[in-house]
C-alpha cells in the first residue's frame, strides 16, 4: 500500500526546510525519492490487481513530476544517484560468488564433510540412547 501521508508530510517538510537548512532538506527529499522508487516497483511489479488503484498511480506520477521539478530547480542529481545505487547493487551481486552447483556456496567437498559430521552425530546419539 502506498502511504499518501508520507509523501505529503515529507514534501511539506522539504518546502519548509529548503530555505533554512539545505542539508536536512536534501535528506528528506532523497528519502522521498527512495520510497518513490520502492513504491513504483511495488505498484508495477508486485501488487496484485485488486491492490491497484488509480489514486496510487496518480499519486506516484505527481510525486515523480514534483521531484523532477525540484531536481531541475535545486540540482539534486537524482539520475546520478539512481545510477550509483544500481552500480553498487550490481557490484555487490558480483561479489557474491556462489558455486554453480549449490545456491548456498558449498562445494561438493564441504557437503561431504557436513554429511560425515551428521553421521557422526547420529551415531553418538544412538549410542547414548541404547
C-alpha atoms as a PDB file:
ATOM      1  CA  UNK A   1       0.000   0.000   0.000  1.00  0.00           C
ATOM      2  CA  UNK A   2       1.169   3.465  -0.773  1.00  0.00           C
ATOM      3  CA  UNK A   3       1.283   5.905   2.127  1.00  0.00           C
ATOM      4  CA  UNK A   4      -0.091   9.185   0.787  1.00  0.00           C
ATOM      5  CA  UNK A   5       0.598  10.913   4.125  1.00  0.00           C
ATOM      6  CA  UNK A   6       4.302  10.048   3.908  1.00  0.00           C
ATOM      7  CA  UNK A   7       4.621  11.969   0.657  1.00  0.00           C
ATOM      8  CA  UNK A   8       2.524  14.917   1.806  1.00  0.00           C
ATOM      9  CA  UNK A   9       4.339  15.269   5.131  1.00  0.00           C
ATOM     10  CA  UNK A  10       7.829  14.950   3.685  1.00  0.00           C
ATOM     11  CA  UNK A  11       7.239  17.215   0.698  1.00  0.00           C
ATOM     12  CA  UNK A  12       5.797  19.816   3.085  1.00  0.00           C
ATOM     13  CA  UNK A  13       8.812  19.419   5.393  1.00  0.00           C
ATOM     14  CA  UNK A  14      11.096  19.849   2.401  1.00  0.00           C
ATOM     15  CA  UNK A  15       9.335  23.076   1.401  1.00  0.00           C
ATOM     16  CA  UNK A  16       9.770  24.421   4.927  1.00  0.00           C
ATOM     17  CA  UNK A  17      13.427  23.374   5.242  1.00  0.00           C
ATOM     18  CA  UNK A  18      14.916  24.194   1.847  1.00  0.00           C
ATOM     19  CA  UNK A  19      15.378  27.883   2.632  1.00  0.00           C
ATOM     20  CA  UNK A  20      16.924  27.445   6.063  1.00  0.00           C
ATOM     21  CA  UNK A  21      18.588  24.014   6.208  1.00  0.00           C
ATOM     22  CA  UNK A  22      19.503  22.593   2.824  1.00  0.00           C
ATOM     23  CA  UNK A  23      21.359  19.583   4.279  1.00  0.00           C
ATOM     24  CA  UNK A  24      18.301  18.375   6.180  1.00  0.00           C
ATOM     25  CA  UNK A  25      16.071  19.224   3.221  1.00  0.00           C
ATOM     26  CA  UNK A  26      18.268  17.050   0.984  1.00  0.00           C
ATOM     27  CA  UNK A  27      17.981  14.133   3.416  1.00  0.00           C
ATOM     28  CA  UNK A  28      14.204  14.480   3.372  1.00  0.00           C
ATOM     29  CA  UNK A  29      13.936  14.708  -0.404  1.00  0.00           C
ATOM     30  CA  UNK A  30      16.281  11.756  -1.003  1.00  0.00           C
ATOM     31  CA  UNK A  31      14.179   9.704   1.410  1.00  0.00           C
ATOM     32  CA  UNK A  32      11.108  10.651  -0.643  1.00  0.00           C
ATOM     33  CA  UNK A  33      12.966   9.710  -3.837  1.00  0.00           C
ATOM     34  CA  UNK A  34      13.966   6.295  -2.453  1.00  0.00           C
ATOM     35  CA  UNK A  35      10.492   5.480  -1.155  1.00  0.00           C
ATOM     36  CA  UNK A  36       9.061   6.555  -4.517  1.00  0.00           C
ATOM     37  CA  UNK A  37      11.325   4.039  -6.280  1.00  0.00           C
ATOM     38  CA  UNK A  38      10.209   1.310  -3.870  1.00  0.00           C
ATOM     39  CA  UNK A  39       6.539   2.196  -4.318  1.00  0.00           C
ATOM     40  CA  UNK A  40       6.876   2.202  -8.115  1.00  0.00           C
ATOM     41  CA  UNK A  41       8.354  -1.300  -8.005  1.00  0.00           C
ATOM     42  CA  UNK A  42       5.537  -2.443  -5.734  1.00  0.00           C
ATOM     43  CA  UNK A  43       2.839  -0.820  -7.875  1.00  0.00           C
ATOM     44  CA  UNK A  44       4.064  -2.055 -11.240  1.00  0.00           C
ATOM     45  CA  UNK A  45       5.693  -5.400 -10.378  1.00  0.00           C
ATOM     46  CA  UNK A  46       4.407  -6.768  -7.070  1.00  0.00           C
ATOM     47  CA  UNK A  47       0.884  -5.567  -6.296  1.00  0.00           C
ATOM     48  CA  UNK A  48      -1.989  -7.897  -7.042  1.00  0.00           C
ATOM     49  CA  UNK A  49      -4.613  -6.491  -9.427  1.00  0.00           C
ATOM     50  CA  UNK A  50      -7.082  -5.984  -6.573  1.00  0.00           C
ATOM     51  CA  UNK A  51      -4.482  -3.830  -4.746  1.00  0.00           C
ATOM     52  CA  UNK A  52      -4.042  -1.413  -7.643  1.00  0.00           C
ATOM     53  CA  UNK A  53      -5.842   1.899  -7.532  1.00  0.00           C
ATOM     54  CA  UNK A  54      -5.851   4.821  -9.915  1.00  0.00           C
ATOM     55  CA  UNK A  55      -5.249   7.132  -6.946  1.00  0.00           C
ATOM     56  CA  UNK A  56      -1.995   5.344  -6.093  1.00  0.00           C
ATOM     57  CA  UNK A  57      -0.748   5.528  -9.657  1.00  0.00           C
ATOM     58  CA  UNK A  58      -1.743   9.193  -9.951  1.00  0.00           C
ATOM     59  CA  UNK A  59      -0.014   9.985  -6.648  1.00  0.00           C
ATOM     60  CA  UNK A  60       3.251   8.374  -7.758  1.00  0.00           C
ATOM     61  CA  UNK A  61       3.140  10.189 -11.088  1.00  0.00           C
ATOM     62  CA  UNK A  62       2.508  13.508  -9.299  1.00  0.00           C
ATOM     63  CA  UNK A  63       5.353  12.893  -6.828  1.00  0.00           C
ATOM     64  CA  UNK A  64       7.699  11.887  -9.640  1.00  0.00           C
ATOM     65  CA  UNK A  65       6.834  15.070 -11.551  1.00  0.00           C
ATOM     66  CA  UNK A  66       7.346  17.147  -8.397  1.00  0.00           C
ATOM     67  CA  UNK A  67      10.754  15.547  -7.820  1.00  0.00           C
ATOM     68  CA  UNK A  68      11.746  16.208 -11.439  1.00  0.00           C
ATOM     69  CA  UNK A  69      10.872  19.875 -10.971  1.00  0.00           C
ATOM     70  CA  UNK A  70      12.800  20.038  -7.688  1.00  0.00           C
ATOM     71  CA  UNK A  71      15.758  18.324  -9.348  1.00  0.00           C
ATOM     72  CA  UNK A  72      15.810  20.982 -12.059  1.00  0.00           C
ATOM     73  CA  UNK A  73      15.459  23.772  -9.509  1.00  0.00           C
ATOM     74  CA  UNK A  74      17.931  22.567  -6.864  1.00  0.00           C
ATOM     75  CA  UNK A  75      20.178  20.219  -8.877  1.00  0.00           C
ATOM     76  CA  UNK A  76      19.752  17.140  -6.662  1.00  0.00           C
ATOM     77  CA  UNK A  77      21.035  14.868  -9.479  1.00  0.00           C
ATOM     78  CA  UNK A  78      18.564  12.057  -8.804  1.00  0.00           C
ATOM     79  CA  UNK A  79      19.542  10.268 -12.017  1.00  0.00           C
ATOM     80  CA  UNK A  80      23.207  10.138 -10.976  1.00  0.00           C
ATOM     81  CA  UNK A  81      22.154   8.883  -7.537  1.00  0.00           C
ATOM     82  CA  UNK A  82      19.995   6.178  -9.135  1.00  0.00           C
ATOM     83  CA  UNK A  83      22.845   5.058 -11.401  1.00  0.00           C
ATOM     84  CA  UNK A  84      25.261   4.946  -8.448  1.00  0.00           C
ATOM     85  CA  UNK A  85      22.830   2.822  -6.414  1.00  0.00           C
ATOM     86  CA  UNK A  86      22.312   0.424  -9.323  1.00  0.00           C
ATOM     87  CA  UNK A  87      26.077   0.178  -9.897  1.00  0.00           C
ATOM     88  CA  UNK A  88      26.707  -0.576  -6.211  1.00  0.00           C
ATOM     89  CA  UNK A  89      23.981  -3.209  -6.197  1.00  0.00           C
ATOM     90  CA  UNK A  90      25.498  -4.852  -9.280  1.00  0.00           C
ATOM     91  CA  UNK A  91      28.959  -4.827  -7.675  1.00  0.00           C
ATOM     92  CA  UNK A  92      27.613  -6.435  -4.514  1.00  0.00           C
ATOM     93  CA  UNK A  93      25.792  -9.047  -6.521  1.00  0.00           C
ATOM     94  CA  UNK A  94      29.000  -9.810  -8.442  1.00  0.00           C
ATOM     95  CA  UNK A  95      30.891 -10.224  -5.173  1.00  0.00           C
ATOM     96  CA  UNK A  96      28.510 -12.964  -4.078  1.00  0.00           C
ATOM     97  CA  UNK A  97      30.347 -15.712  -5.910  1.00  0.00           C
ATOM     98  CA  UNK A  98      28.319 -18.820  -5.411  1.00  0.00           C
ATOM     99  CA  UNK A  99      29.228 -22.250  -6.643  1.00  0.00           C
ATOM    100  CA  UNK A 100      27.287 -23.092  -9.788  1.00  0.00           C
ATOM    101  CA  UNK A 101      26.053 -26.390  -8.353  1.00  0.00           C
ATOM    102  CA  UNK A 102      24.911 -25.116  -4.993  1.00  0.00           C
ATOM    103  CA  UNK A 103      22.951 -21.964  -4.240  1.00  0.00           C
ATOM    104  CA  UNK A 104      24.421 -21.685  -0.726  1.00  0.00           C
ATOM    105  CA  UNK A 105      28.057 -21.601  -1.817  1.00  0.00           C
ATOM    106  CA  UNK A 106      29.107 -25.052  -0.624  1.00  0.00           C
ATOM    107  CA  UNK A 107      31.239 -27.158  -2.907  1.00  0.00           C
ATOM    108  CA  UNK A 108      30.908 -30.934  -3.027  1.00  0.00           C
ATOM    109  CA  UNK A 109      33.764 -31.406  -0.508  1.00  0.00           C
ATOM    110  CA  UNK A 110      32.073 -29.166   2.037  1.00  0.00           C
ATOM    111  CA  UNK A 111      28.824 -31.056   1.604  1.00  0.00           C
ATOM    112  CA  UNK A 112      30.571 -34.399   2.096  1.00  0.00           C
ATOM    113  CA  UNK A 113      32.180 -33.082   5.297  1.00  0.00           C
ATOM    114  CA  UNK A 114      28.788 -31.943   6.548  1.00  0.00           C
ATOM    115  CA  UNK A 115      27.293 -35.345   5.768  1.00  0.00           C
ATOM    116  CA  UNK A 116      30.129 -37.052   7.681  1.00  0.00           C
ATOM    117  CA  UNK A 117      29.553 -34.759  10.671  1.00  0.00           C
ATOM    118  CA  UNK A 118      25.838 -35.544  10.606  1.00  0.00           C
ATOM    119  CA  UNK A 119      26.603 -39.270  10.509  1.00  0.00           C
ATOM    120  CA  UNK A 120      28.955 -38.925  13.495  1.00  0.00           C
ATOM    121  CA  UNK A 121      26.312 -37.053  15.483  1.00  0.00           C
ATOM    122  CA  UNK A 122      23.682 -39.648  14.626  1.00  0.00           C
ATOM    123  CA  UNK A 123      25.985 -42.471  15.778  1.00  0.00           C
ATOM    124  CA  UNK A 124      26.791 -40.796  19.087  1.00  0.00           C
ATOM    125  CA  UNK A 125      23.137 -40.063  19.778  1.00  0.00           C
ATOM    126  CA  UNK A 126      22.195 -43.666  19.106  1.00  0.00           C
ATOM    127  CA  UNK A 127      24.912 -44.977  21.428  1.00  0.00           C
ATOM    128  CA  UNK A 128      23.754 -42.634  24.143  1.00  0.00           C
ATOM    129  CA  UNK A 129      20.169 -43.813  23.994  1.00  0.00           C
ATOM    130  CA  UNK A 130      20.889 -47.565  23.736  1.00  0.00           C
END
